[in-house]
Amino acid sequence: MVKKVLVFDSKPYDAKSFKKTENLYLGKIEFDYVEFKLGPKTASLAEGFEAVCIFVHDSIDEETIESLYQHGVRLLALRCAGYNNVALKKAQELGIKVVRVPEYSPYAVAEHAVALTMSLNRNIHRAYARVRENNFSLNGLIGFDMFGKTVGIVGTGKIGRVAANIFKGFGCKVLAYDVFKNEGEAQKIGYEYVSLKDLYMKSDIISLHVPLTLETYHMINKESIRIMKEGVIIVNSSRGQLIDTKDLIEGLKSGKIKGAGLDVYEEEEEYFFEDWSNQVVQDDDLARLLSFNNVIVTAHQAFFTEEALNNIAETTVINILDFFEGKELKNEVKPQT
């Protein structure tokens, strides 16, 4: 019997990548797609589906999970790595399994973080805009050599390690911070673990690669910015709430922060992945960030490569089939005890 799965918050590229993988498992699984985000008001759409596939901006709070359960859903399949938007304890209480895609392409995210860094440093975004207007002046576009600069990598999981390796290729000195150190990889790649305070104080560039937890929430704030080097570049391709936006804005205004590359934003849910080109952005902090010429905001696209999308679809399908076939759920997410 074909198992049907409802995909929430779907975009054309989701359907394309899932269709390709779905064709490999004909007769076993079939996806239906809706553009709506999952939340308390849309959970009823899952009537008749035993599994739903969800993304980073779907709101799976306790009310939503209760509604999904009442409509027969027994599996939440996240097509992403993060799961801080899921009320895991409630899901466990009701017997709903939660699975995720723990990794899809560390290269995609790390390369995007480096691209943001290079664009900010060499003012590529500003130069592009100028030349489009036939302005070939170089005034105000000066950057610095990456060679010899110190880069601080916060979080040395696979993405952080790939980023460290790329920066080493530029001839940078790489410092790292992680609660769980991997000294073997540090020696292999050539980075050095230091305290978070030392990383903040010594880095010319800081790149964030940690998950959102109680400990990492607003880790970039007024106090951490205060001890950073003058003219630091901050790049965040992980989770928006790692940075206190208001404190970041003050750091940019004062000149303490030379530039910020943001692929995520702490209040991004309403805007990212959607077209707002014919509307006015109502979020004052986001609008302020977009007004800075030394800030680059991309709409959560660090993961967005063909390889990553294919890996996401494949892992998600395998997660779902393992559930339906009663196999061990290797990528199951459970609440912390």
Protein backbone atom coordinates (compact mmCIF):
# COMPACT_ATOMS: atom_id res chain seq x y z
CA MET A 1 0.00 0.00 0.00
CA VAL A 2 1.34 3.44 -0.97
CA LYS A 3 2.01 5.67 2.03
CA LYS A 4 1.00 9.30 1.53
CA VAL A 5 2.92 12.17 3.09
CA LEU A 6 1.83 15.81 3.22
CA VAL A 7 4.62 18.35 2.63
CA PHE A 8 3.99 21.73 4.29
CA ASP A 9 5.57 25.05 3.28
CA SER A 10 6.60 23.58 -0.06
CA LYS A 11 8.26 25.48 -2.87
CA PRO A 12 8.74 24.42 -6.52
CA TYR A 13 12.31 23.31 -5.82
CA ASP A 14 11.09 21.08 -2.97
CA ALA A 15 8.63 19.30 -5.24
CA LYS A 16 11.29 18.89 -7.93
CA SER A 17 13.87 17.30 -5.65
CA PHE A 18 11.33 15.11 -3.84
CA LYS A 19 9.76 13.95 -7.11
CA LYS A 20 13.16 12.74 -8.29
CA THR A 21 13.66 10.70 -5.12
CA GLU A 22 10.02 9.61 -4.97
CA ASN A 23 10.43 7.99 -8.39
CA LEU A 24 13.04 5.67 -6.90
CA TYR A 25 10.44 4.31 -4.47
CA LEU A 26 7.36 4.01 -6.68
CA GLY A 27 4.61 2.03 -5.05
CA LYS A 28 5.91 2.77 -1.56
CA ILE A 29 5.53 6.51 -0.97
CA GLU A 30 3.70 9.47 -2.45
CA PHE A 31 3.94 13.16 -1.55
CA ASP A 32 1.25 15.82 -1.63
CA TYR A 33 2.30 19.45 -1.40
CA VAL A 34 0.79 22.57 0.16
CA GLU A 35 2.31 26.05 0.27
CA PHE A 36 0.93 26.79 3.73
CA LYS A 37 3.19 26.66 6.75
CA LEU A 38 2.22 24.15 9.40
CA GLY A 39 0.68 25.64 12.51
CA PRO A 40 -2.44 25.34 14.68
CA LYS A 41 -4.70 26.73 11.94
CA THR A 42 -3.39 24.50 9.15
CA ALA A 43 -2.83 21.22 11.00
CA SER A 44 -6.28 20.00 9.93
CA LEU A 45 -4.98 19.77 6.35
CA ALA A 46 -3.12 16.64 7.49
CA GLU A 47 -6.37 14.67 7.84
CA GLY A 48 -5.81 11.31 6.17
CA PHE A 49 -2.00 11.50 6.31
CA GLU A 50 -0.01 9.44 8.78
CA ALA A 51 3.12 11.53 8.20
CA VAL A 52 3.85 15.17 7.46
CA CYS A 53 7.06 16.73 6.13
CA ILE A 54 7.98 20.09 7.62
CA PHE A 55 10.62 22.81 7.36
CA VAL A 56 12.40 25.36 9.56
CA HIS A 57 9.62 27.95 9.70
CA ASP A 58 6.73 25.61 10.42
CA SER A 59 5.42 26.07 13.95
CA ILE A 60 5.03 22.72 15.64
CA ASP A 61 3.99 23.81 19.11
CA GLU A 62 1.95 21.75 21.55
CA GLU A 63 -1.38 22.88 20.08
CA THR A 64 -0.26 21.94 16.58
CA ILE A 65 1.01 18.54 17.69
CA GLU A 66 -2.25 17.82 19.51
CA SER A 67 -4.21 18.69 16.38
CA LEU A 68 -1.95 16.57 14.17
CA TYR A 69 -2.41 13.63 16.51
CA GLN A 70 -6.19 14.00 16.44
CA HIS A 71 -6.03 13.93 12.63
CA GLY A 72 -4.02 10.70 12.58
CA VAL A 73 -0.45 11.94 12.11
CA ARG A 74 2.16 9.74 13.75
CA LEU A 75 5.38 11.01 12.16
CA LEU A 76 6.94 14.47 11.81
CA ALA A 77 9.66 14.38 9.17
CA LEU A 78 11.85 17.47 9.26
CA ARG A 79 13.59 18.19 5.96
CA CYS A 80 16.25 20.19 7.80
CA ALA A 81 18.76 19.74 10.59
CA GLY A 82 17.31 22.12 13.19
CA TYR A 83 14.38 21.10 15.37
CA ASN A 84 14.04 23.95 17.87
CA ASN A 85 10.60 24.71 16.37
CA VAL A 86 9.18 21.37 17.54
CA ALA A 87 7.58 20.71 20.94
CA LEU A 88 9.43 17.42 21.34
CA LYS A 89 8.10 16.53 24.78
CA LYS A 90 4.51 16.83 23.60
CA ALA A 91 5.28 14.71 20.55
CA GLN A 92 6.85 12.03 22.71
CA GLU A 93 3.94 12.14 25.12
CA LEU A 94 1.51 11.40 22.28
CA GLY A 95 3.73 8.81 20.64
CA ILE A 96 4.50 10.90 17.55
CA LYS A 97 7.96 10.19 16.17
CA VAL A 98 10.19 13.04 15.00
CA VAL A 99 13.00 12.56 12.47
CA ARG A 100 15.34 15.04 10.79
CA VAL A 101 18.11 15.41 8.23
CA PRO A 102 21.18 15.84 10.46
CA GLU A 103 23.41 16.76 7.54
CA TYR A 104 22.89 17.42 3.86
CA SER A 105 25.94 19.31 2.64
CA PRO A 106 28.35 20.91 5.08
CA TYR A 107 30.16 22.28 2.03
CA ALA A 108 27.11 24.25 0.89
CA VAL A 109 26.73 26.13 4.18
CA ALA A 110 30.44 26.62 4.83
CA GLU A 111 31.08 27.88 1.30
CA HIS A 112 28.21 30.35 1.61
CA ALA A 113 29.63 31.68 4.89
CA VAL A 114 32.99 32.22 3.20
CA ALA A 115 31.28 33.86 0.21
CA LEU A 116 29.56 36.33 2.54
CA THR A 117 32.89 37.06 4.20
CA MET A 118 34.67 37.71 0.91
CA SER A 119 31.82 39.83 -0.47
CA LEU A 120 31.82 42.01 2.64
CA ASN A 121 35.58 42.36 2.75
CA ARG A 122 36.00 43.26 -0.93
CA ASN A 123 32.67 45.12 -1.22
CA ILE A 124 31.56 42.96 -4.14
CA HIS A 125 27.88 43.78 -3.52
CA ARG A 126 28.54 47.53 -3.64
CA ALA A 127 30.86 47.30 -6.64
CA TYR A 128 28.26 45.32 -8.57
CA ALA A 129 25.58 47.92 -7.84
CA ARG A 130 27.90 50.79 -8.82
CA VAL A 131 28.97 49.34 -12.14
CA ARG A 132 25.34 48.63 -13.02
CA GLU A 133 24.89 52.41 -12.82
CA ASN A 134 28.02 53.06 -14.91
CA ASN A 135 29.93 54.20 -11.83
CA PHE A 136 33.44 52.79 -12.07
CA SER A 137 34.91 54.62 -9.07
CA LEU A 138 36.84 52.59 -6.49
CA ASN A 139 36.40 55.09 -3.66
CA GLY A 140 35.19 53.39 -0.48
CA LEU A 141 35.62 49.85 -1.80
CA ILE A 142 38.98 49.02 -0.25
CA GLY A 143 39.27 45.67 1.49
CA PHE A 144 42.08 43.74 3.17
CA ASP A 145 44.17 40.67 2.38
CA MET A 146 42.71 37.54 3.93
CA PHE A 147 46.22 36.13 4.20
CA GLY A 148 47.44 36.38 7.79
CA LYS A 149 44.10 37.43 9.28
CA THR A 150 42.61 35.61 12.26
CA VAL A 151 39.28 33.86 11.79
CA GLY A 152 37.22 32.65 14.74
CA ILE A 153 35.06 29.59 14.06
CA VAL A 154 32.34 29.16 16.70
CA GLY A 155 31.24 25.55 16.49
CA THR A 156 33.42 22.82 14.99
CA GLY A 157 30.87 20.34 13.73
CA LYS A 158 31.16 19.29 10.09
CA ILE A 159 30.16 22.72 8.76
CA GLY A 160 32.50 24.59 11.07
CA ARG A 161 35.40 22.29 10.18
CA VAL A 162 34.81 22.72 6.45
CA ALA A 163 34.74 26.50 6.94
CA ALA A 164 37.97 26.33 8.96
CA ASN A 165 39.63 24.34 6.19
CA ILE A 166 38.58 26.89 3.54
CA PHE A 167 39.87 29.81 5.59
CA LYS A 168 43.14 27.96 6.15
CA GLY A 169 43.40 27.81 2.36
CA PHE A 170 43.49 31.61 2.30
CA GLY A 171 46.41 31.55 4.71
CA CYS A 172 44.35 32.63 7.71
CA LYS A 173 45.09 31.75 11.31
CA VAL A 174 42.01 29.91 12.56
CA LEU A 175 40.86 29.91 16.18
CA ALA A 176 37.93 27.77 17.27
CA TYR A 177 35.54 27.36 20.13
CA ASP A 178 33.32 24.37 20.88
CA VAL A 179 31.98 22.80 24.03
CA PHE A 180 32.94 19.44 22.52
CA LYS A 181 36.47 19.72 21.20
CA ASN A 182 37.80 17.54 18.40
CA GLU A 183 41.55 17.83 18.86
CA GLY A 184 42.25 15.29 16.13
CA GLU A 185 40.48 17.38 13.50
CA ALA A 186 42.03 20.55 14.91
CA GLN A 187 45.50 19.12 14.39
CA LYS A 188 44.62 17.75 10.95
CA ILE A 189 43.13 21.01 9.64
CA GLY A 190 45.38 23.32 11.61
CA TYR A 191 43.14 25.32 13.91
CA GLU A 192 43.51 26.03 17.61
CA TYR A 193 40.86 25.76 20.32
CA VAL A 194 40.60 28.78 22.60
CA SER A 195 38.07 30.16 25.05
CA LEU A 196 35.08 31.99 23.60
CA LYS A 197 36.35 35.22 25.17
CA ASP A 198 39.75 34.83 23.53
CA LEU A 199 38.12 34.08 20.18
CA TYR A 200 36.05 37.25 20.42
CA MET A 201 39.06 39.34 21.41
CA LYS A 202 41.52 38.06 18.78
CA SER A 203 39.43 37.41 15.64
CA ASP A 204 39.24 39.70 12.62
CA ILE A 205 36.38 37.57 11.31
CA ILE A 206 33.89 35.55 13.37
CA SER A 207 31.79 32.85 11.71
CA LEU A 208 28.99 31.14 13.65
CA HIS A 209 28.29 27.42 13.19
CA VAL A 210 26.47 26.31 16.33
CA PRO A 211 22.87 25.17 16.89
CA LEU A 212 20.38 27.31 18.78
CA THR A 213 20.26 26.30 22.45
CA LEU A 214 19.65 28.07 25.73
CA GLU A 215 23.42 28.55 25.98
CA THR A 216 23.89 29.95 22.46
CA TYR A 217 20.82 32.21 22.39
CA HIS A 218 22.04 35.81 21.79
CA MET A 219 25.66 34.78 22.26
CA ILE A 220 26.50 37.79 20.09
CA ASN A 221 25.31 40.67 22.24
CA LYS A 222 26.38 44.02 23.65
CA GLU A 223 28.93 42.47 26.01
CA SER A 224 30.52 40.10 23.51
CA ILE A 225 30.68 42.84 20.87
CA ARG A 226 32.34 45.14 23.39
CA ILE A 227 35.39 42.88 23.73
CA MET A 228 35.74 42.16 19.99
CA LYS A 229 38.44 43.72 17.83
CA GLU A 230 37.68 47.05 16.22
CA GLY A 231 36.49 46.45 12.67
CA VAL A 232 35.44 42.82 13.12
CA ILE A 233 33.34 41.06 10.47
CA ILE A 234 30.57 38.80 11.80
CA VAL A 235 29.00 36.07 9.67
CA ASN A 236 26.00 33.98 10.69
CA SER A 237 24.83 31.08 8.54
CA SER A 238 23.45 29.03 11.42
CA ARG A 239 20.48 30.35 13.42
CA GLY A 240 19.21 33.92 13.61
CA GLN A 241 18.72 33.98 17.35
CA LEU A 242 22.42 33.50 17.99
CA ILE A 243 22.65 37.27 17.51
CA ASP A 244 20.84 40.01 19.42
CA THR A 245 19.81 42.10 16.42
CA LYS A 246 19.47 45.39 18.29
CA ASP A 247 22.97 45.01 19.75
CA LEU A 248 24.32 44.12 16.31
CA ILE A 249 22.77 47.28 14.88
CA GLU A 250 24.40 49.40 17.57
CA GLY A 251 27.74 47.75 16.84
CA LEU A 252 27.37 48.55 13.15
CA LYS A 253 26.34 52.13 13.84
CA SER A 254 29.33 52.73 16.12
CA GLY A 255 31.74 51.26 13.58
CA LYS A 256 32.94 48.57 16.00
CA ILE A 257 31.62 46.01 13.50
CA LYS A 258 33.05 46.48 10.01
CA GLY A 259 30.41 44.31 8.38
CA ALA A 260 27.85 41.58 8.94
CA GLY A 261 26.93 38.72 6.64
CA LEU A 262 23.59 37.24 7.67
CA ASP A 263 21.97 34.25 6.03
CA VAL A 264 19.60 34.01 8.99
CA TYR A 265 17.70 36.55 11.08
CA GLU A 266 16.07 36.05 14.45
CA GLU A 267 12.60 37.11 13.26
CA GLU A 268 12.88 35.72 9.74
CA GLU A 269 9.83 33.43 9.72
CA GLU A 270 7.44 35.92 8.14
CA TYR A 271 9.79 37.13 5.43
CA PHE A 272 12.36 34.54 4.37
CA PHE A 273 11.43 32.23 1.46
CA GLU A 274 8.63 34.63 0.45
CA ASP A 275 8.37 37.47 -2.10
CA TRP A 276 7.89 40.84 -0.38
CA SER A 277 9.06 42.96 -3.32
CA ASN A 278 5.66 44.65 -3.69
CA GLN A 279 5.17 45.27 0.01
CA VAL A 280 6.76 47.29 2.80
CA VAL A 281 8.84 45.40 5.34
CA GLN A 282 7.19 46.07 8.68
CA ASP A 283 10.02 44.69 10.82
CA ASP A 284 11.97 47.79 11.84
CA ASP A 285 15.15 45.89 12.79
CA LEU A 286 15.24 44.00 9.50
CA ALA A 287 14.58 47.20 7.58
CA ARG A 288 17.43 48.88 9.47
CA LEU A 289 19.83 46.05 8.66
CA LEU A 290 18.90 46.25 4.99
CA SER A 291 19.76 49.96 5.01
CA PHE A 292 23.43 49.39 5.91
CA ASN A 293 25.84 49.23 2.99
CA ASN A 294 28.15 47.00 5.04
CA VAL A 295 25.51 44.33 5.71
CA ILE A 296 24.63 41.51 3.36
CA VAL A 297 21.42 39.61 4.09
CA THR A 298 20.60 36.44 2.18
CA ALA A 299 17.30 34.68 2.80
CA HIS A 300 18.43 31.45 4.47
CA GLN A 301 19.97 30.15 1.25
CA ALA A 302 23.28 28.77 2.55
CA PHE A 303 21.95 25.22 2.17
CA PHE A 304 20.62 25.90 -1.32
CA THR A 305 22.67 23.75 -3.69
CA GLU A 306 21.58 20.91 -5.95
CA GLU A 307 23.62 18.46 -3.92
CA ALA A 308 22.06 19.57 -0.65
CA LEU A 309 18.49 19.45 -1.97
CA ASN A 310 19.03 15.95 -3.34
CA ASN A 311 20.53 14.78 -0.04
CA ILE A 312 17.67 16.34 1.93
CA ALA A 313 15.06 14.58 -0.21
CA GLU A 314 16.84 11.23 -0.11
CA THR A 315 17.40 11.23 3.65
CA THR A 316 13.84 12.41 4.32
CA VAL A 317 12.35 9.64 2.17
CA ILE A 318 14.51 7.00 3.86
CA ASN A 319 13.51 8.35 7.30
CA ILE A 320 9.83 8.08 6.38
CA LEU A 321 10.12 4.61 4.84
CA ASP A 322 12.02 3.35 7.89
CA PHE A 323 9.11 4.52 10.04
CA PHE A 324 6.45 2.87 7.90
CA GLU A 325 8.47 -0.35 7.67
CA GLY A 326 9.07 -0.51 11.42
CA LYS A 327 12.85 -0.12 11.14
CA GLU A 328 15.20 1.67 13.52
CA LEU A 329 14.92 5.44 13.11
CA LYS A 330 18.57 6.44 12.86
CA ASN A 331 17.74 10.12 12.62
CA GLU A 332 15.09 10.28 15.33
CA VAL A 333 15.01 13.35 17.55
CA LYS A 334 14.01 12.99 21.21
CA PRO A 335 13.60 15.57 23.95
CA GLN A 336 16.61 16.04 26.19
CA THR A 337 16.22 14.47 29.60
